């Protein structure tokens, strides 16, 4: 489960608040921790490369304050990535879990 990667509390468990995009390869959503109430912007991208033996999944989390989460939840479309260009986030990929700042390379 994706919630094991976030650092908002000792027992994070994420639930969907709003889904902006859900395809076979991408999920873009706002999620909320059931344990502590922390909101997260969530982007999961899966890729299968041309050799069909190589698979990659990247998950990016950006913590949102409640006001941001409410505004985004009421929006009809996903926010522009520029909103997160200088924000700290968490990236889970083949290199493990890492703190990052700004938009992850897999979305550029």
PDB file of N, CA and C in Angstrom:
ATOM      1  N   UNK A   1       0.841  -1.178   0.000  1.00  0.00           N
ATOM      2  CA  UNK A   1       0.000   0.000   0.000  1.00  0.00           C
ATOM      3  C   UNK A   1       0.887   1.243   0.000  1.00  0.00           C
ATOM      4  N   UNK A   2       0.512   2.235  -0.735  1.00  0.00           N
ATOM      5  CA  UNK A   2       1.315   3.447  -0.901  1.00  0.00           C
ATOM      6  C   UNK A   2       1.531   4.183   0.409  1.00  0.00           C
ATOM      7  N   UNK A   3       0.605   4.103   1.326  1.00  0.00           N
ATOM      8  CA  UNK A   3       0.687   4.894   2.548  1.00  0.00           C
ATOM      9  C   UNK A   3       1.898   4.551   3.409  1.00  0.00           C
ATOM     10  N   UNK A   4       2.531   3.432   3.189  1.00  0.00           N
ATOM     11  CA  UNK A   4       3.695   3.088   4.000  1.00  0.00           C
ATOM     12  C   UNK A   4       4.871   4.019   3.739  1.00  0.00           C
ATOM     13  N   UNK A   5       4.822   4.820   2.692  1.00  0.00           N
ATOM     14  CA  UNK A   5       5.956   5.653   2.317  1.00  0.00           C
ATOM     15  C   UNK A   5       5.917   7.063   2.893  1.00  0.00           C
ATOM     16  N   UNK A   6       4.795   7.542   3.349  1.00  0.00           N
ATOM     17  CA  UNK A   6       4.710   8.915   3.835  1.00  0.00           C
ATOM     18  C   UNK A   6       5.154   9.014   5.291  1.00  0.00           C
ATOM     19  N   UNK A   7       5.532  10.215   5.695  1.00  0.00           N
ATOM     20  CA  UNK A   7       6.129  10.404   7.014  1.00  0.00           C
ATOM     21  C   UNK A   7       5.320  11.329   7.922  1.00  0.00           C
ATOM     22  N   UNK A   8       4.011  11.352   7.755  1.00  0.00           N
ATOM     23  CA  UNK A   8       3.203  12.293   8.523  1.00  0.00           C
ATOM     24  C   UNK A   8       2.928  11.835   9.953  1.00  0.00           C
ATOM     25  N   UNK A   9       2.980  10.539  10.197  1.00  0.00           N
ATOM     26  CA  UNK A   9       2.722  10.024  11.538  1.00  0.00           C
ATOM     27  C   UNK A   9       3.286   8.611  11.641  1.00  0.00           C
ATOM     28  N   UNK A  10       3.099   7.993  12.777  1.00  0.00           N
ATOM     29  CA  UNK A  10       3.652   6.652  12.986  1.00  0.00           C
ATOM     30  C   UNK A  10       2.921   5.560  12.218  1.00  0.00           C
ATOM     31  N   UNK A  11       1.626   5.744  11.976  1.00  0.00           N
ATOM     32  CA  UNK A  11       0.825   4.719  11.298  1.00  0.00           C
ATOM     33  C   UNK A  11       0.022   5.313  10.147  1.00  0.00           C
ATOM     34  N   UNK A  12       0.693   5.816   9.118  1.00  0.00           N
ATOM     35  CA  UNK A  12      -0.061   6.440   8.029  1.00  0.00           C
ATOM     36  C   UNK A  12      -0.907   5.430   7.254  1.00  0.00           C
ATOM     37  N   UNK A  13      -2.077   5.887   6.882  1.00  0.00           N
ATOM     38  CA  UNK A  13      -2.995   5.094   6.063  1.00  0.00           C
ATOM     39  C   UNK A  13      -3.756   6.086   5.199  1.00  0.00           C
ATOM     40  N   UNK A  14      -3.482   6.088   3.911  1.00  0.00           N
ATOM     41  CA  UNK A  14      -4.050   7.108   3.041  1.00  0.00           C
ATOM     42  C   UNK A  14      -5.361   6.673   2.406  1.00  0.00           C
ATOM     43  N   UNK A  15      -6.290   7.633   2.348  1.00  0.00           N
ATOM     44  CA  UNK A  15      -7.552   7.436   1.657  1.00  0.00           C
ATOM     45  C   UNK A  15      -7.671   8.489   0.566  1.00  0.00           C
ATOM     46  N   UNK A  16      -8.406   8.174  -0.478  1.00  0.00           N
ATOM     47  CA  UNK A  16      -8.598   9.106  -1.580  1.00  0.00           C
ATOM     48  C   UNK A  16      -9.580  10.197  -1.173  1.00  0.00           C
ATOM     49  N   UNK A  17      -9.221  11.434  -1.487  1.00  0.00           N
ATOM     50  CA  UNK A  17     -10.114  12.575  -1.296  1.00  0.00           C
ATOM     51  C   UNK A  17     -10.660  13.001  -2.649  1.00  0.00           C
ATOM     52  N   UNK A  18      -9.759  13.102  -3.625  1.00  0.00           N
ATOM     53  CA  UNK A  18     -10.130  13.531  -4.977  1.00  0.00           C
ATOM     54  C   UNK A  18      -9.179  12.873  -5.959  1.00  0.00           C
ATOM     55  N   UNK A  19      -9.710  12.332  -7.034  1.00  0.00           N
ATOM     56  CA  UNK A  19      -8.891  11.744  -8.093  1.00  0.00           C
ATOM     57  C   UNK A  19      -9.028  12.632  -9.325  1.00  0.00           C
ATOM     58  N   UNK A  20      -7.899  13.150  -9.795  1.00  0.00           N
ATOM     59  CA  UNK A  20      -7.889  13.985 -10.996  1.00  0.00           C
ATOM     60  C   UNK A  20      -7.697  13.145 -12.252  1.00  0.00           C
ATOM     61  N   UNK A  21      -6.920  12.085 -12.139  1.00  0.00           N
ATOM     62  CA  UNK A  21      -6.590  11.250 -13.293  1.00  0.00           C
ATOM     63  C   UNK A  21      -6.351   9.832 -12.804  1.00  0.00           C
ATOM     64  N   UNK A  22      -6.927   8.878 -13.500  1.00  0.00           N
ATOM     65  CA  UNK A  22      -6.689   7.474 -13.174  1.00  0.00           C
ATOM     66  C   UNK A  22      -6.698   6.688 -14.480  1.00  0.00           C
ATOM     67  N   UNK A  23      -5.511   6.248 -14.900  1.00  0.00           N
ATOM     68  CA  UNK A  23      -5.365   5.449 -16.112  1.00  0.00           C
ATOM     69  C   UNK A  23      -4.572   4.200 -15.747  1.00  0.00           C
ATOM     70  N   UNK A  24      -4.262   3.407 -16.745  1.00  0.00           N
ATOM     71  CA  UNK A  24      -3.448   2.219 -16.502  1.00  0.00           C
ATOM     72  C   UNK A  24      -2.040   2.578 -16.037  1.00  0.00           C
ATOM     73  N   UNK A  25      -1.599   3.808 -16.343  1.00  0.00           N
ATOM     74  CA  UNK A  25      -0.209   4.174 -16.079  1.00  0.00           C
ATOM     75  C   UNK A  25      -0.027   5.363 -15.143  1.00  0.00           C
ATOM     76  N   UNK A  26      -1.075   6.102 -14.874  1.00  0.00           N
ATOM     77  CA  UNK A  26      -0.970   7.297 -14.029  1.00  0.00           C
ATOM     78  C   UNK A  26      -2.150   7.393 -13.078  1.00  0.00           C
ATOM     79  N   UNK A  27      -1.861   7.834 -11.874  1.00  0.00           N
ATOM     80  CA  UNK A  27      -2.903   8.237 -10.935  1.00  0.00           C
ATOM     81  C   UNK A  27      -2.459   9.556 -10.336  1.00  0.00           C
ATOM     82  N   UNK A  28      -3.330  10.553 -10.403  1.00  0.00           N
ATOM     83  CA  UNK A  28      -3.070  11.864  -9.811  1.00  0.00           C
ATOM     84  C   UNK A  28      -4.239  12.131  -8.876  1.00  0.00           C
ATOM     85  N   UNK A  29      -3.914  12.396  -7.606  1.00  0.00           N
ATOM     86  CA  UNK A  29      -4.989  12.502  -6.622  1.00  0.00           C
ATOM     87  C   UNK A  29      -4.568  13.323  -5.414  1.00  0.00           C
ATOM     88  N   UNK A  30      -5.544  13.651  -4.609  1.00  0.00           N
ATOM     89  CA  UNK A  30      -5.312  14.158  -3.267  1.00  0.00           C
ATOM     90  C   UNK A  30      -5.693  13.029  -2.328  1.00  0.00           C
ATOM     91  N   UNK A  31      -4.821  12.767  -1.382  1.00  0.00           N
ATOM     92  CA  UNK A  31      -5.069  11.723  -0.393  1.00  0.00           C
ATOM     93  C   UNK A  31      -4.944  12.314   1.002  1.00  0.00           C
ATOM     94  N   UNK A  32      -5.613  11.679   1.944  1.00  0.00           N
ATOM     95  CA  UNK A  32      -5.613  12.145   3.334  1.00  0.00           C
ATOM     96  C   UNK A  32      -5.298  10.967   4.240  1.00  0.00           C
ATOM     97  N   UNK A  33      -4.451  11.221   5.230  1.00  0.00           N
ATOM     98  CA  UNK A  33      -4.095  10.176   6.187  1.00  0.00           C
ATOM     99  C   UNK A  33      -5.243   9.975   7.172  1.00  0.00           C
ATOM    100  N   UNK A  34      -5.726   8.755   7.264  1.00  0.00           N
ATOM    101  CA  UNK A  34      -6.805   8.443   8.203  1.00  0.00           C
ATOM    102  C   UNK A  34      -6.348   8.593   9.655  1.00  0.00           C
ATOM    103  N   UNK A  35      -5.064   8.399   9.900  1.00  0.00           N
ATOM    104  CA  UNK A  35      -4.549   8.429  11.270  1.00  0.00           C
ATOM    105  C   UNK A  35      -4.367   9.841  11.808  1.00  0.00           C
ATOM    106  N   UNK A  36      -3.782  10.742  11.000  1.00  0.00           N
ATOM    107  CA  UNK A  36      -3.460  12.077  11.522  1.00  0.00           C
ATOM    108  C   UNK A  36      -4.141  13.219  10.779  1.00  0.00           C
ATOM    109  N   UNK A  37      -4.774  12.930   9.634  1.00  0.00           N
ATOM    110  CA  UNK A  37      -5.486  13.967   8.890  1.00  0.00           C
ATOM    111  C   UNK A  37      -4.639  14.750   7.910  1.00  0.00           C
ATOM    112  N   UNK A  38      -3.365  14.414   7.768  1.00  0.00           N
ATOM    113  CA  UNK A  38      -2.474  15.123   6.847  1.00  0.00           C
ATOM    114  C   UNK A  38      -2.907  14.867   5.398  1.00  0.00           C
ATOM    115  N   UNK A  39      -2.868  15.923   4.584  1.00  0.00           N
ATOM    116  CA  UNK A  39      -3.217  15.813   3.166  1.00  0.00           C
ATOM    117  C   UNK A  39      -1.962  15.706   2.311  1.00  0.00           C
ATOM    118  N   UNK A  40      -2.086  14.949   1.222  1.00  0.00           N
ATOM    119  CA  UNK A  40      -0.973  14.736   0.305  1.00  0.00           C
ATOM    120  C   UNK A  40      -1.444  14.860  -1.135  1.00  0.00           C
ATOM    121  N   UNK A  41      -0.643  15.548  -1.960  1.00  0.00           N
ATOM    122  CA  UNK A  41      -0.795  15.479  -3.405  1.00  0.00           C
ATOM    123  C   UNK A  41      -0.020  14.239  -3.830  1.00  0.00           C
ATOM    124  N   UNK A  42      -0.612  13.414  -4.659  1.00  0.00           N
ATOM    125  CA  UNK A  42      -0.068  12.091  -4.977  1.00  0.00           C
ATOM    126  C   UNK A  42      -0.047  11.915  -6.487  1.00  0.00           C
ATOM    127  N   UNK A  43       1.096  11.510  -7.007  1.00  0.00           N
ATOM    128  CA  UNK A  43       1.202  11.178  -8.439  1.00  0.00           C
ATOM    129  C   UNK A  43       1.966   9.870  -8.554  1.00  0.00           C
ATOM    130  N   UNK A  44       1.310   8.875  -9.129  1.00  0.00           N
ATOM    131  CA  UNK A  44       1.939   7.587  -9.362  1.00  0.00           C
ATOM    132  C   UNK A  44       2.022   7.382 -10.875  1.00  0.00           C
ATOM    133  N   UNK A  45       3.186   7.024 -11.335  1.00  0.00           N
ATOM    134  CA  UNK A  45       3.396   6.769 -12.768  1.00  0.00           C
ATOM    135  C   UNK A  45       4.082   5.425 -12.923  1.00  0.00           C
ATOM    136  N   UNK A  46       3.497   4.575 -13.741  1.00  0.00           N
ATOM    137  CA  UNK A  46       4.096   3.281 -14.062  1.00  0.00           C
ATOM    138  C   UNK A  46       4.515   3.306 -15.525  1.00  0.00           C
ATOM    139  N   UNK A  47       5.648   2.680 -15.795  1.00  0.00           N
ATOM    140  CA  UNK A  47       6.155   2.611 -17.165  1.00  0.00           C
ATOM    141  C   UNK A  47       6.672   1.217 -17.446  1.00  0.00           C
ATOM    142  N   UNK A  48       6.361   0.733 -18.639  1.00  0.00           N
ATOM    143  CA  UNK A  48       6.952  -0.488 -19.158  1.00  0.00           C
ATOM    144  C   UNK A  48       7.769  -0.070 -20.365  1.00  0.00           C
ATOM    145  N   UNK A  49       9.009  -0.441 -20.382  1.00  0.00           N
ATOM    146  CA  UNK A  49       9.896  -0.002 -21.448  1.00  0.00           C
ATOM    147  C   UNK A  49       9.842  -0.959 -22.630  1.00  0.00           C
ATOM    148  N   UNK A  50      10.390  -0.541 -23.748  1.00  0.00           N
ATOM    149  CA  UNK A  50      10.250  -1.250 -25.014  1.00  0.00           C
ATOM    150  C   UNK A  50      10.718  -2.703 -24.964  1.00  0.00           C
ATOM    151  N   UNK A  51      11.646  -3.026 -24.105  1.00  0.00           N
ATOM    152  CA  UNK A  51      12.084  -4.423 -24.037  1.00  0.00           C
ATOM    153  C   UNK A  51      11.074  -5.295 -23.285  1.00  0.00           C
ATOM    154  N   UNK A  52      10.044  -4.662 -22.720  1.00  0.00           N
ATOM    155  CA  UNK A  52       8.932  -5.341 -22.034  1.00  0.00           C
ATOM    156  C   UNK A  52       9.356  -6.102 -20.779  1.00  0.00           C
ATOM    157  N   UNK A  53      10.640  -6.162 -20.514  1.00  0.00           N
ATOM    158  CA  UNK A  53      11.105  -6.798 -19.292  1.00  0.00           C
ATOM    159  C   UNK A  53      11.425  -5.764 -18.218  1.00  0.00           C
ATOM    160  N   UNK A  54      11.444  -4.509 -18.613  1.00  0.00           N
ATOM    161  CA  UNK A  54      11.798  -3.443 -17.689  1.00  0.00           C
ATOM    162  C   UNK A  54      10.542  -2.674 -17.299  1.00  0.00           C
ATOM    163  N   UNK A  55      10.323  -2.613 -16.013  1.00  0.00           N
ATOM    164  CA  UNK A  55       9.139  -1.964 -15.465  1.00  0.00           C
ATOM    165  C   UNK A  55       9.600  -0.974 -14.406  1.00  0.00           C
ATOM    166  N   UNK A  56       8.935   0.160 -14.350  1.00  0.00           N
ATOM    167  CA  UNK A  56       9.306   1.170 -13.359  1.00  0.00           C
ATOM    168  C   UNK A  56       8.049   1.803 -12.800  1.00  0.00           C
ATOM    169  N   UNK A  57       8.040   2.023 -11.488  1.00  0.00           N
ATOM    170  CA  UNK A  57       6.947   2.739 -10.833  1.00  0.00           C
ATOM    171  C   UNK A  57       7.563   3.835  -9.998  1.00  0.00           C
ATOM    172  N   UNK A  58       7.063   5.052 -10.180  1.00  0.00           N
ATOM    173  CA  UNK A  58       7.501   6.193  -9.388  1.00  0.00           C
ATOM    174  C   UNK A  58       6.274   6.785  -8.707  1.00  0.00           C
ATOM    175  N   UNK A  59       6.439   7.123  -7.434  1.00  0.00           N
ATOM    176  CA  UNK A  59       5.349   7.732  -6.671  1.00  0.00           C
ATOM    177  C   UNK A  59       5.890   8.998  -6.018  1.00  0.00           C
ATOM    178  N   UNK A  60       5.181  10.093  -6.218  1.00  0.00           N
ATOM    179  CA  UNK A  60       5.590  11.393  -5.689  1.00  0.00           C
ATOM    180  C   UNK A  60       4.513  11.908  -4.754  1.00  0.00           C
ATOM    181  N   UNK A  61       4.936  12.353  -3.587  1.00  0.00           N
ATOM    182  CA  UNK A  61       4.029  12.912  -2.588  1.00  0.00           C
ATOM    183  C   UNK A  61       4.483  14.330  -2.242  1.00  0.00           C
ATOM    184  N   UNK A  62       3.521  15.241  -2.122  1.00  0.00           N
ATOM    185  CA  UNK A  62       3.787  16.587  -1.618  1.00  0.00           C
ATOM    186  C   UNK A  62       2.749  16.858  -0.539  1.00  0.00           C
ATOM    187  N   UNK A  63       3.222  17.237   0.633  1.00  0.00           N
ATOM    188  CA  UNK A  63       2.309  17.527   1.740  1.00  0.00           C
ATOM    189  C   UNK A  63       1.538  18.818   1.451  1.00  0.00           C
ATOM    190  N   UNK A  64       0.240  18.785   1.717  1.00  0.00           N
ATOM    191  CA  UNK A  64      -0.631  19.943   1.532  1.00  0.00           C
ATOM    192  C   UNK A  64      -1.195  20.371   2.872  1.00  0.00           C
ATOM    193  N   UNK A  65      -1.386  21.677   3.048  1.00  0.00           N
ATOM    194  CA  UNK A  65      -2.100  22.106   4.246  1.00  0.00           C
ATOM    195  C   UNK A  65      -3.602  21.956   3.971  1.00  0.00           C
ATOM    196  N   UNK A  66      -4.446  21.963   4.995  1.00  0.00           N
ATOM    197  CA  UNK A  66      -5.880  21.724   4.782  1.00  0.00           C
ATOM    198  C   UNK A  66      -6.527  22.715   3.809  1.00  0.00           C
ATOM    199  N   UNK A  67      -6.102  23.971   3.849  1.00  0.00           N
ATOM    200  CA  UNK A  67      -6.689  24.966   2.948  1.00  0.00           C
ATOM    201  C   UNK A  67      -6.364  24.632   1.489  1.00  0.00           C
ATOM    202  N   UNK A  68      -5.097  24.292   1.226  1.00  0.00           N
ATOM    203  CA  UNK A  68      -4.701  23.901  -0.132  1.00  0.00           C
ATOM    204  C   UNK A  68      -5.495  22.680  -0.588  1.00  0.00           C
ATOM    205  N   UNK A  69      -5.602  21.705   0.282  1.00  0.00           N
ATOM    206  CA  UNK A  69      -6.317  20.480  -0.063  1.00  0.00           C
ATOM    207  C   UNK A  69      -7.770  20.778  -0.403  1.00  0.00           C
ATOM    208  N   UNK A  70      -8.406  21.645   0.356  1.00  0.00           N
ATOM    209  CA  UNK A  70      -9.806  21.986   0.093  1.00  0.00           C
ATOM    210  C   UNK A  70      -9.966  22.702  -1.240  1.00  0.00           C
ATOM    211  N   UNK A  71      -9.081  23.646  -1.527  1.00  0.00           N
ATOM    212  CA  UNK A  71      -9.143  24.365  -2.801  1.00  0.00           C
ATOM    213  C   UNK A  71      -8.936  23.391  -3.961  1.00  0.00           C
ATOM    214  N   UNK A  72      -7.927  22.535  -3.852  1.00  0.00           N
ATOM    215  CA  UNK A  72      -7.648  21.575  -4.922  1.00  0.00           C
ATOM    216  C   UNK A  72      -8.775  20.553  -5.070  1.00  0.00           C
ATOM    217  N   UNK A  73      -9.361  20.138  -3.965  1.00  0.00           N
ATOM    218  CA  UNK A  73     -10.458  19.161  -4.020  1.00  0.00           C
ATOM    219  C   UNK A  73     -11.683  19.733  -4.726  1.00  0.00           C
ATOM    220  N   UNK A  74     -11.862  21.044  -4.649  1.00  0.00           N
ATOM    221  CA  UNK A  74     -12.994  21.692  -5.317  1.00  0.00           C
ATOM    222  C   UNK A  74     -12.712  22.006  -6.782  1.00  0.00           C
ATOM    223  N   UNK A  75     -11.470  21.883  -7.207  1.00  0.00           N
ATOM    224  CA  UNK A  75     -11.087  22.213  -8.580  1.00  0.00           C
ATOM    225  C   UNK A  75     -11.552  21.108  -9.541  1.00  0.00           C
ATOM    226  N   UNK A  76     -11.807  21.508 -10.768  1.00  0.00           N
ATOM    227  CA  UNK A  76     -12.247  20.527 -11.768  1.00  0.00           C
ATOM    228  C   UNK A  76     -11.082  19.828 -12.467  1.00  0.00           C
ATOM    229  N   UNK A  77      -9.886  20.390 -12.335  1.00  0.00           N
ATOM    230  CA  UNK A  77      -8.716  19.806 -12.986  1.00  0.00           C
ATOM    231  C   UNK A  77      -7.548  19.763 -12.014  1.00  0.00           C
ATOM    232  N   UNK A  78      -6.598  18.918 -12.307  1.00  0.00           N
ATOM    233  CA  UNK A  78      -5.379  18.826 -11.490  1.00  0.00           C
ATOM    234  C   UNK A  78      -4.640  20.159 -11.538  1.00  0.00           C
ATOM    235  N   UNK A  79      -3.958  20.504 -10.465  1.00  0.00           N
ATOM    236  CA  UNK A  79      -3.214  21.768 -10.461  1.00  0.00           C
ATOM    237  C   UNK A  79      -2.027  21.722 -11.417  1.00  0.00           C
ATOM    238  N   UNK A  80      -1.606  22.888 -11.844  1.00  0.00           N
ATOM    239  CA  UNK A  80      -0.394  22.987 -12.658  1.00  0.00           C
ATOM    240  C   UNK A  80       0.795  22.529 -11.813  1.00  0.00           C
ATOM    241  N   UNK A  81       1.702  21.806 -12.422  1.00  0.00           N
ATOM    242  CA  UNK A  81       2.876  21.331 -11.695  1.00  0.00           C
ATOM    243  C   UNK A  81       3.713  22.478 -11.139  1.00  0.00           C
ATOM    244  N   UNK A  82       3.648  23.646 -11.767  1.00  0.00           N
ATOM    245  CA  UNK A  82       4.427  24.794 -11.295  1.00  0.00           C
ATOM    246  C   UNK A  82       4.089  25.157  -9.849  1.00  0.00           C
ATOM    247  N   UNK A  83       2.908  24.787  -9.388  1.00  0.00           N
ATOM    248  CA  UNK A  83       2.527  25.027  -7.990  1.00  0.00           C
ATOM    249  C   UNK A  83       3.508  24.341  -7.032  1.00  0.00           C
ATOM    250  N   UNK A  84       4.131  23.260  -7.471  1.00  0.00           N
ATOM    251  CA  UNK A  84       4.997  22.458  -6.614  1.00  0.00           C
ATOM    252  C   UNK A  84       6.483  22.606  -6.942  1.00  0.00           C
ATOM    253  N   UNK A  85       6.851  23.566  -7.795  1.00  0.00           N
ATOM    254  CA  UNK A  85       8.230  23.638  -8.294  1.00  0.00           C
ATOM    255  C   UNK A  85       9.276  23.860  -7.222  1.00  0.00           C
ATOM    256  N   UNK A  86       8.937  24.490  -6.111  1.00  0.00           N
ATOM    257  CA  UNK A  86       9.904  24.721  -5.041  1.00  0.00           C
ATOM    258  C   UNK A  86       9.531  24.032  -3.739  1.00  0.00           C
ATOM    259  N   UNK A  87       8.610  23.096  -3.800  1.00  0.00           N
ATOM    260  CA  UNK A  87       8.103  22.462  -2.591  1.00  0.00           C
ATOM    261  C   UNK A  87       8.863  21.187  -2.261  1.00  0.00           C
ATOM    262  N   UNK A  88       9.026  20.906  -0.979  1.00  0.00           N
ATOM    263  CA  UNK A  88       9.608  19.619  -0.588  1.00  0.00           C
ATOM    264  C   UNK A  88       8.598  18.498  -0.842  1.00  0.00           C
ATOM    265  N   UNK A  89       9.104  17.349  -1.171  1.00  0.00           N
ATOM    266  CA  UNK A  89       8.247  16.203  -1.402  1.00  0.00           C
ATOM    267  C   UNK A  89       8.987  14.914  -1.110  1.00  0.00           C
ATOM    268  N   UNK A  90       8.315  13.820  -1.329  1.00  0.00           N
ATOM    269  CA  UNK A  90       8.887  12.494  -1.155  1.00  0.00           C
ATOM    270  C   UNK A  90       8.745  11.740  -2.465  1.00  0.00           C
ATOM    271  N   UNK A  91       9.799  11.068  -2.881  1.00  0.00           N
ATOM    272  CA  UNK A  91       9.777  10.312  -4.121  1.00  0.00           C
ATOM    273  C   UNK A  91      10.152   8.865  -3.835  1.00  0.00           C
ATOM    274  N   UNK A  92       9.270   7.958  -4.202  1.00  0.00           N
ATOM    275  CA  UNK A  92       9.521   6.517  -4.092  1.00  0.00           C
ATOM    276  C   UNK A  92       9.691   5.982  -5.500  1.00  0.00           C
ATOM    277  N   UNK A  93      10.872   5.440  -5.781  1.00  0.00           N
ATOM    278  CA  UNK A  93      11.141   4.859  -7.096  1.00  0.00           C
ATOM    279  C   UNK A  93      12.139   3.734  -6.949  1.00  0.00           C
ATOM    280  N   UNK A  94      12.760   3.335  -8.037  1.00  0.00           N
ATOM    281  CA  UNK A  94      13.695   2.208  -7.990  1.00  0.00           C
ATOM    282  C   UNK A  94      14.922   2.492  -7.126  1.00  0.00           C
ATOM    283  N   UNK A  95      15.163   3.760  -6.805  1.00  0.00           N
ATOM    284  CA  UNK A  95      16.270   4.131  -5.922  1.00  0.00           C
ATOM    285  C   UNK A  95      15.862   4.146  -4.451  1.00  0.00           C
ATOM    286  N   UNK A  96      14.613   3.790  -4.153  1.00  0.00           N
ATOM    287  CA  UNK A  96      14.125   3.811  -2.781  1.00  0.00           C
ATOM    288  C   UNK A  96      13.284   5.043  -2.515  1.00  0.00           C
ATOM    289  N   UNK A  97      13.205   5.427  -1.256  1.00  0.00           N
ATOM    290  CA  UNK A  97      12.422   6.589  -0.837  1.00  0.00           C
ATOM    291  C   UNK A  97      13.384   7.723  -0.550  1.00  0.00           C
ATOM    292  N   UNK A  98      13.142   8.882  -1.170  1.00  0.00           N
ATOM    293  CA  UNK A  98      14.031  10.023  -0.992  1.00  0.00           C
ATOM    294  C   UNK A  98      13.245  11.309  -0.868  1.00  0.00           C
ATOM    295  N   UNK A  99      13.748  12.192  -0.017  1.00  0.00           N
ATOM    296  CA  UNK A  99      13.202  13.537   0.066  1.00  0.00           C
ATOM    297  C   UNK A  99      13.734  14.317  -1.131  1.00  0.00           C
ATOM    298  N   UNK A 100      12.852  15.054  -1.787  1.00  0.00           N
ATOM    299  CA  UNK A 100      13.262  15.869  -2.935  1.00  0.00           C
ATOM    300  C   UNK A 100      12.653  17.257  -2.791  1.00  0.00           C
ATOM    301  N   UNK A 101      13.120  18.176  -3.602  1.00  0.00           N
ATOM    302  CA  UNK A 101      12.539  19.510  -3.687  1.00  0.00           C
ATOM    303  C   UNK A 101      12.192  19.746  -5.143  1.00  0.00           C
ATOM    304  N   UNK A 102      10.966  20.157  -5.379  1.00  0.00           N
ATOM    305  CA  UNK A 102      10.537  20.450  -6.746  1.00  0.00           C
ATOM    306  C   UNK A 102       9.921  19.241  -7.437  1.00  0.00           C
ATOM    307  N   UNK A 103       9.761  19.399  -8.723  1.00  0.00           N
ATOM    308  CA  UNK A 103       9.078  18.409  -9.545  1.00  0.00           C
ATOM    309  C   UNK A 103      10.055  17.277  -9.890  1.00  0.00           C
ATOM    310  N   UNK A 104       9.655  16.034  -9.680  1.00  0.00           N
ATOM    311  CA  UNK A 104      10.558  14.922  -9.972  1.00  0.00           C
ATOM    312  C   UNK A 104      10.840  14.793 -11.475  1.00  0.00           C
ATOM    313  N   UNK A 105      11.981  14.246 -11.773  1.00  0.00           N
ATOM    314  CA  UNK A 105      12.446  14.100 -13.157  1.00  0.00           C
ATOM    315  C   UNK A 105      11.449  13.330 -14.024  1.00  0.00           C
ATOM    316  N   UNK A 106      10.749  12.345 -13.471  1.00  0.00           N
ATOM    317  CA  UNK A 106       9.852  11.536 -14.296  1.00  0.00           C
ATOM    318  C   UNK A 106       8.659  12.322 -14.818  1.00  0.00           C
ATOM    319  N   UNK A 107       8.420  13.533 -14.311  1.00  0.00           N
ATOM    320  CA  UNK A 107       7.321  14.362 -14.796  1.00  0.00           C
ATOM    321  C   UNK A 107       7.782  15.523 -15.655  1.00  0.00           C
ATOM    322  N   UNK A 108       9.078  15.705 -15.794  1.00  0.00           N
ATOM    323  CA  UNK A 108       9.577  16.836 -16.586  1.00  0.00           C
ATOM    324  C   UNK A 108       9.555  16.526 -18.064  1.00  0.00           C
TER     325      UNK A 108
END
